[in-house]
């Protein structure tokens, strides 16, 4: 889902137009796309927990900043529901990951 979003940021004219409407420069759209792609890979790959936590943190920043940007540019509140929905899914994913991580870690003496 996030990888597709990153791809859309790079290729779809509609996304480019939305970014221009929000007042973002074109290079920022590309940076966000690369960050989403790398963050998605970090969440999927079997790597350090600290890197995964930073990926989650980055997505939280993106999914909170998106509604703020839309509201600041005069868009209706309904434009923010998508990002807030992704934020809810991300929260469930993070909580589930933490529970699995704690269950797998050996008990400390």
N, C-alpha and C. Protein backbone atom coordinates (compact mmCIF):
# COMPACT_ATOMS: atom_id res chain seq x y z
N UNK A 1 0.83 -1.17 0.00
CA UNK A 1 0.00 0.00 0.00
C UNK A 1 0.89 1.26 0.00
N UNK A 2 1.86 1.30 0.87
CA UNK A 2 2.74 2.47 0.95
C UNK A 2 3.70 2.50 -0.24
N UNK A 3 4.13 1.33 -0.69
CA UNK A 3 5.01 1.28 -1.85
C UNK A 3 4.27 1.79 -3.08
N UNK A 4 3.00 1.43 -3.22
CA UNK A 4 2.19 1.95 -4.33
C UNK A 4 2.04 3.46 -4.21
N UNK A 5 1.86 3.96 -3.01
CA UNK A 5 1.77 5.40 -2.80
C UNK A 5 3.07 6.09 -3.22
N UNK A 6 4.21 5.50 -2.87
CA UNK A 6 5.49 6.06 -3.28
C UNK A 6 5.62 6.08 -4.79
N UNK A 7 5.18 5.01 -5.44
CA UNK A 7 5.21 4.95 -6.90
C UNK A 7 4.32 6.04 -7.50
N UNK A 8 3.14 6.22 -6.92
CA UNK A 8 2.23 7.26 -7.41
C UNK A 8 2.82 8.65 -7.25
N UNK A 9 3.53 8.90 -6.17
CA UNK A 9 4.18 10.19 -5.97
C UNK A 9 5.18 10.47 -7.09
N UNK A 10 5.79 9.44 -7.62
CA UNK A 10 6.80 9.62 -8.66
C UNK A 10 6.20 9.73 -10.06
N UNK A 11 5.04 9.12 -10.29
CA UNK A 11 4.58 8.97 -11.67
C UNK A 11 3.26 9.64 -12.01
N UNK A 12 2.34 9.78 -11.08
CA UNK A 12 0.99 10.24 -11.42
C UNK A 12 0.89 11.75 -11.45
N UNK A 13 0.30 12.25 -12.52
CA UNK A 13 0.12 13.69 -12.68
C UNK A 13 -0.82 14.25 -11.61
N UNK A 14 -1.81 13.46 -11.19
CA UNK A 14 -2.74 13.94 -10.16
C UNK A 14 -2.01 14.24 -8.86
N UNK A 15 -1.08 13.38 -8.50
CA UNK A 15 -0.32 13.58 -7.26
C UNK A 15 0.59 14.80 -7.41
N UNK A 16 1.19 14.95 -8.57
CA UNK A 16 2.03 16.13 -8.81
C UNK A 16 1.21 17.41 -8.68
N UNK A 17 -0.02 17.39 -9.22
CA UNK A 17 -0.89 18.57 -9.14
C UNK A 17 -1.29 18.86 -7.70
N UNK A 18 -1.56 17.82 -6.92
CA UNK A 18 -1.92 18.02 -5.51
C UNK A 18 -0.75 18.63 -4.75
N UNK A 19 0.45 18.14 -5.00
CA UNK A 19 1.63 18.69 -4.32
C UNK A 19 1.84 20.16 -4.68
N UNK A 20 1.62 20.50 -5.95
CA UNK A 20 1.72 21.90 -6.36
C UNK A 20 0.64 22.73 -5.66
N UNK A 21 -0.58 22.18 -5.59
CA UNK A 21 -1.68 22.88 -4.91
C UNK A 21 -1.36 23.14 -3.44
N UNK A 22 -0.69 22.20 -2.81
CA UNK A 22 -0.32 22.36 -1.40
C UNK A 22 0.87 23.31 -1.21
N UNK A 23 1.52 23.67 -2.31
CA UNK A 23 2.64 24.60 -2.24
C UNK A 23 3.99 23.95 -2.05
N UNK A 24 4.07 22.65 -2.26
CA UNK A 24 5.34 21.95 -2.09
C UNK A 24 6.14 22.00 -3.38
N UNK A 25 7.46 22.19 -3.29
CA UNK A 25 8.29 22.12 -4.49
C UNK A 25 8.37 20.68 -5.01
N UNK A 26 8.71 20.54 -6.27
CA UNK A 26 8.71 19.22 -6.89
C UNK A 26 9.71 18.27 -6.23
N UNK A 27 10.86 18.80 -5.81
CA UNK A 27 11.85 17.91 -5.19
C UNK A 27 11.34 17.33 -3.87
N UNK A 28 10.47 18.05 -3.17
CA UNK A 28 9.93 17.54 -1.91
C UNK A 28 9.06 16.31 -2.16
N UNK A 29 8.28 16.33 -3.23
CA UNK A 29 7.45 15.18 -3.61
C UNK A 29 8.33 13.96 -3.84
N UNK A 30 9.45 14.14 -4.50
CA UNK A 30 10.37 13.03 -4.78
C UNK A 30 11.01 12.53 -3.48
N UNK A 31 11.38 13.45 -2.59
CA UNK A 31 11.96 13.05 -1.30
C UNK A 31 10.96 12.24 -0.48
N UNK A 32 9.70 12.67 -0.46
CA UNK A 32 8.67 11.94 0.29
C UNK A 32 8.47 10.56 -0.32
N UNK A 33 8.48 10.47 -1.65
CA UNK A 33 8.32 9.17 -2.31
C UNK A 33 9.45 8.23 -1.93
N UNK A 34 10.68 8.71 -1.96
CA UNK A 34 11.82 7.87 -1.58
C UNK A 34 11.76 7.48 -0.11
N UNK A 35 11.36 8.41 0.75
CA UNK A 35 11.24 8.10 2.17
C UNK A 35 10.17 7.04 2.41
N UNK A 36 9.04 7.15 1.71
CA UNK A 36 7.98 6.14 1.86
C UNK A 36 8.47 4.77 1.39
N UNK A 37 9.16 4.75 0.27
CA UNK A 37 9.66 3.48 -0.26
C UNK A 37 10.66 2.84 0.70
N UNK A 38 11.63 3.62 1.17
CA UNK A 38 12.63 3.08 2.09
C UNK A 38 12.00 2.70 3.43
N UNK A 39 11.04 3.47 3.90
CA UNK A 39 10.35 3.14 5.14
C UNK A 39 9.57 1.85 5.03
N UNK A 40 8.90 1.66 3.89
CA UNK A 40 8.15 0.42 3.68
C UNK A 40 9.09 -0.78 3.65
N UNK A 41 10.23 -0.62 2.98
CA UNK A 41 11.21 -1.71 2.96
C UNK A 41 11.72 -2.00 4.38
N UNK A 42 11.94 -0.96 5.17
CA UNK A 42 12.42 -1.16 6.54
C UNK A 42 11.39 -1.92 7.38
N UNK A 43 10.11 -1.65 7.16
CA UNK A 43 9.08 -2.36 7.92
C UNK A 43 8.94 -3.81 7.48
N UNK A 44 9.22 -4.08 6.22
CA UNK A 44 9.06 -5.44 5.71
C UNK A 44 10.29 -6.32 5.94
N UNK A 45 11.46 -5.71 5.99
CA UNK A 45 12.70 -6.47 6.08
C UNK A 45 12.98 -6.92 7.51
N UNK A 46 13.64 -8.06 7.66
CA UNK A 46 14.02 -8.53 9.00
C UNK A 46 15.30 -7.83 9.47
N UNK A 47 15.14 -6.59 9.93
CA UNK A 47 16.29 -5.79 10.35
C UNK A 47 16.09 -5.30 11.78
N UNK A 48 17.03 -4.52 12.23
CA UNK A 48 17.06 -4.00 13.59
C UNK A 48 15.75 -3.32 13.98
N UNK A 49 15.36 -3.55 15.23
CA UNK A 49 14.15 -2.92 15.74
C UNK A 49 14.23 -1.40 15.76
N UNK A 50 15.42 -0.86 16.00
CA UNK A 50 15.58 0.59 16.03
C UNK A 50 15.28 1.20 14.65
N UNK A 51 15.72 0.55 13.60
CA UNK A 51 15.44 1.06 12.25
C UNK A 51 13.95 1.02 11.97
N UNK A 52 13.29 -0.05 12.39
CA UNK A 52 11.84 -0.14 12.21
C UNK A 52 11.13 0.97 12.99
N UNK A 53 11.59 1.25 14.20
CA UNK A 53 10.97 2.32 14.98
C UNK A 53 11.13 3.66 14.29
N UNK A 54 12.27 3.92 13.68
CA UNK A 54 12.46 5.17 12.94
C UNK A 54 11.56 5.21 11.71
N UNK A 55 11.36 4.08 11.07
CA UNK A 55 10.44 4.03 9.92
C UNK A 55 9.02 4.34 10.37
N UNK A 56 8.59 3.74 11.47
CA UNK A 56 7.26 4.05 12.00
C UNK A 56 7.15 5.54 12.32
N UNK A 57 8.16 6.08 12.95
CA UNK A 57 8.16 7.50 13.32
C UNK A 57 8.05 8.38 12.07
N UNK A 58 8.78 8.03 11.03
CA UNK A 58 8.70 8.79 9.78
C UNK A 58 7.31 8.78 9.18
N UNK A 59 6.67 7.61 9.21
CA UNK A 59 5.31 7.52 8.68
C UNK A 59 4.33 8.32 9.53
N UNK A 60 4.53 8.33 10.84
CA UNK A 60 3.66 9.14 11.70
C UNK A 60 3.78 10.61 11.31
N UNK A 61 4.99 11.08 11.09
CA UNK A 61 5.19 12.47 10.67
C UNK A 61 4.47 12.74 9.35
N UNK A 62 4.61 11.84 8.39
CA UNK A 62 3.97 12.02 7.09
C UNK A 62 2.45 12.04 7.23
N UNK A 63 1.90 11.09 7.99
CA UNK A 63 0.45 10.96 8.08
C UNK A 63 -0.19 12.02 8.98
N UNK A 64 0.59 12.68 9.81
CA UNK A 64 0.07 13.82 10.57
C UNK A 64 0.24 15.11 9.76
N UNK A 65 1.34 15.22 9.03
CA UNK A 65 1.60 16.42 8.24
C UNK A 65 0.65 16.57 7.06
N UNK A 66 0.21 15.46 6.49
CA UNK A 66 -0.67 15.54 5.31
C UNK A 66 -1.99 16.26 5.63
N UNK A 67 -2.71 15.88 6.69
CA UNK A 67 -3.94 16.63 6.99
C UNK A 67 -3.68 18.10 7.31
N UNK A 68 -2.58 18.38 7.99
CA UNK A 68 -2.24 19.77 8.32
C UNK A 68 -2.02 20.56 7.03
N UNK A 69 -1.30 19.98 6.08
CA UNK A 69 -1.04 20.67 4.81
C UNK A 69 -2.33 20.92 4.05
N UNK A 70 -3.22 19.93 4.02
CA UNK A 70 -4.49 20.10 3.31
C UNK A 70 -5.35 21.18 3.97
N UNK A 71 -5.43 21.15 5.29
CA UNK A 71 -6.24 22.15 5.99
C UNK A 71 -5.64 23.55 5.84
N UNK A 72 -4.31 23.65 5.87
CA UNK A 72 -3.66 24.95 5.73
C UNK A 72 -3.84 25.54 4.34
N UNK A 73 -4.03 24.69 3.33
CA UNK A 73 -4.22 25.19 1.97
C UNK A 73 -5.69 25.42 1.64
N UNK A 74 -6.57 25.24 2.64
CA UNK A 74 -7.98 25.53 2.43
C UNK A 74 -8.81 24.36 1.95
N UNK A 75 -8.25 23.17 1.92
CA UNK A 75 -9.01 22.00 1.50
C UNK A 75 -10.00 21.61 2.60
N UNK A 76 -11.10 20.95 2.23
CA UNK A 76 -12.06 20.52 3.25
C UNK A 76 -11.47 19.41 4.14
N UNK A 77 -12.06 19.26 5.31
CA UNK A 77 -11.60 18.26 6.26
C UNK A 77 -11.64 16.85 5.68
N UNK A 78 -12.56 16.61 4.76
CA UNK A 78 -12.69 15.28 4.15
C UNK A 78 -11.42 14.86 3.41
N UNK A 79 -10.61 15.82 2.98
CA UNK A 79 -9.34 15.49 2.31
C UNK A 79 -8.36 14.84 3.27
N UNK A 80 -8.58 14.99 4.56
CA UNK A 80 -7.64 14.48 5.57
C UNK A 80 -7.96 13.08 6.03
N UNK A 81 -9.13 12.57 5.69
CA UNK A 81 -9.55 11.27 6.21
C UNK A 81 -8.65 10.13 5.74
N UNK A 82 -8.14 10.19 4.53
CA UNK A 82 -7.27 9.13 4.03
C UNK A 82 -6.01 8.99 4.87
N UNK A 83 -5.34 10.11 5.10
CA UNK A 83 -4.11 10.07 5.90
C UNK A 83 -4.38 9.65 7.33
N UNK A 84 -5.51 10.09 7.88
CA UNK A 84 -5.84 9.69 9.25
C UNK A 84 -6.18 8.21 9.32
N UNK A 85 -6.78 7.67 8.26
CA UNK A 85 -7.04 6.23 8.20
C UNK A 85 -5.74 5.44 8.15
N UNK A 86 -4.79 5.92 7.34
CA UNK A 86 -3.48 5.27 7.28
C UNK A 86 -2.78 5.35 8.63
N UNK A 87 -2.96 6.46 9.34
CA UNK A 87 -2.36 6.60 10.66
C UNK A 87 -2.93 5.57 11.63
N UNK A 88 -4.22 5.30 11.54
CA UNK A 88 -4.84 4.29 12.39
C UNK A 88 -4.30 2.90 12.07
N UNK A 89 -4.17 2.59 10.78
CA UNK A 89 -3.62 1.29 10.37
C UNK A 89 -2.17 1.17 10.85
N UNK A 90 -1.43 2.25 10.74
CA UNK A 90 -0.04 2.26 11.20
C UNK A 90 0.04 2.02 12.71
N UNK A 91 -0.87 2.61 13.47
CA UNK A 91 -0.88 2.41 14.92
C UNK A 91 -1.14 0.95 15.27
N UNK A 92 -2.09 0.33 14.59
CA UNK A 92 -2.38 -1.09 14.82
C UNK A 92 -1.15 -1.93 14.47
N UNK A 93 -0.51 -1.60 13.35
CA UNK A 93 0.69 -2.33 12.93
C UNK A 93 1.80 -2.20 13.97
N UNK A 94 2.00 -1.00 14.48
CA UNK A 94 3.06 -0.78 15.47
C UNK A 94 2.78 -1.54 16.76
N UNK A 95 1.55 -1.47 17.23
CA UNK A 95 1.19 -2.17 18.47
C UNK A 95 1.36 -3.68 18.31
N UNK A 96 0.93 -4.20 17.18
CA UNK A 96 1.08 -5.63 16.90
C UNK A 96 2.55 -6.02 16.83
N UNK A 97 3.36 -5.21 16.16
CA UNK A 97 4.79 -5.49 16.04
C UNK A 97 5.44 -5.48 17.42
N UNK A 98 5.08 -4.52 18.26
CA UNK A 98 5.65 -4.45 19.61
C UNK A 98 5.28 -5.68 20.43
N UNK A 99 4.03 -6.11 20.35
CA UNK A 99 3.60 -7.30 21.10
C UNK A 99 4.34 -8.54 20.63
N UNK A 100 4.51 -8.70 19.33
CA UNK A 100 5.24 -9.86 18.81
C UNK A 100 6.70 -9.78 19.21
N UNK A 101 7.26 -8.59 19.19
CA UNK A 101 8.67 -8.41 19.54
C UNK A 101 8.91 -8.76 21.00
N UNK A 102 8.03 -8.33 21.88
CA UNK A 102 8.17 -8.63 23.31
C UNK A 102 7.99 -10.12 23.56
N UNK A 103 7.07 -10.76 22.84
CA UNK A 103 6.82 -12.19 23.03
C UNK A 103 8.02 -13.03 22.58
N UNK A 104 8.77 -12.55 21.60
CA UNK A 104 9.90 -13.31 21.06
C UNK A 104 11.16 -13.10 21.89
N UNK A 105 11.30 -11.92 22.50
CA UNK A 105 12.50 -11.63 23.28
C UNK A 105 12.59 -12.56 24.48
N UNK A 106 13.78 -13.07 24.78
CA UNK A 106 13.92 -13.93 25.96
C UNK A 106 13.76 -13.10 27.23
N UNK A 107 13.23 -13.73 28.26
CA UNK A 107 13.04 -13.05 29.54
C UNK A 107 14.40 -12.75 30.16
N UNK A 108 14.53 -11.55 30.70
CA UNK A 108 15.79 -11.18 31.34
C UNK A 108 15.77 -11.62 32.80
N UNK A 109 16.91 -12.10 33.27
CA UNK A 109 16.99 -12.60 34.65
C UNK A 109 17.20 -11.48 35.63
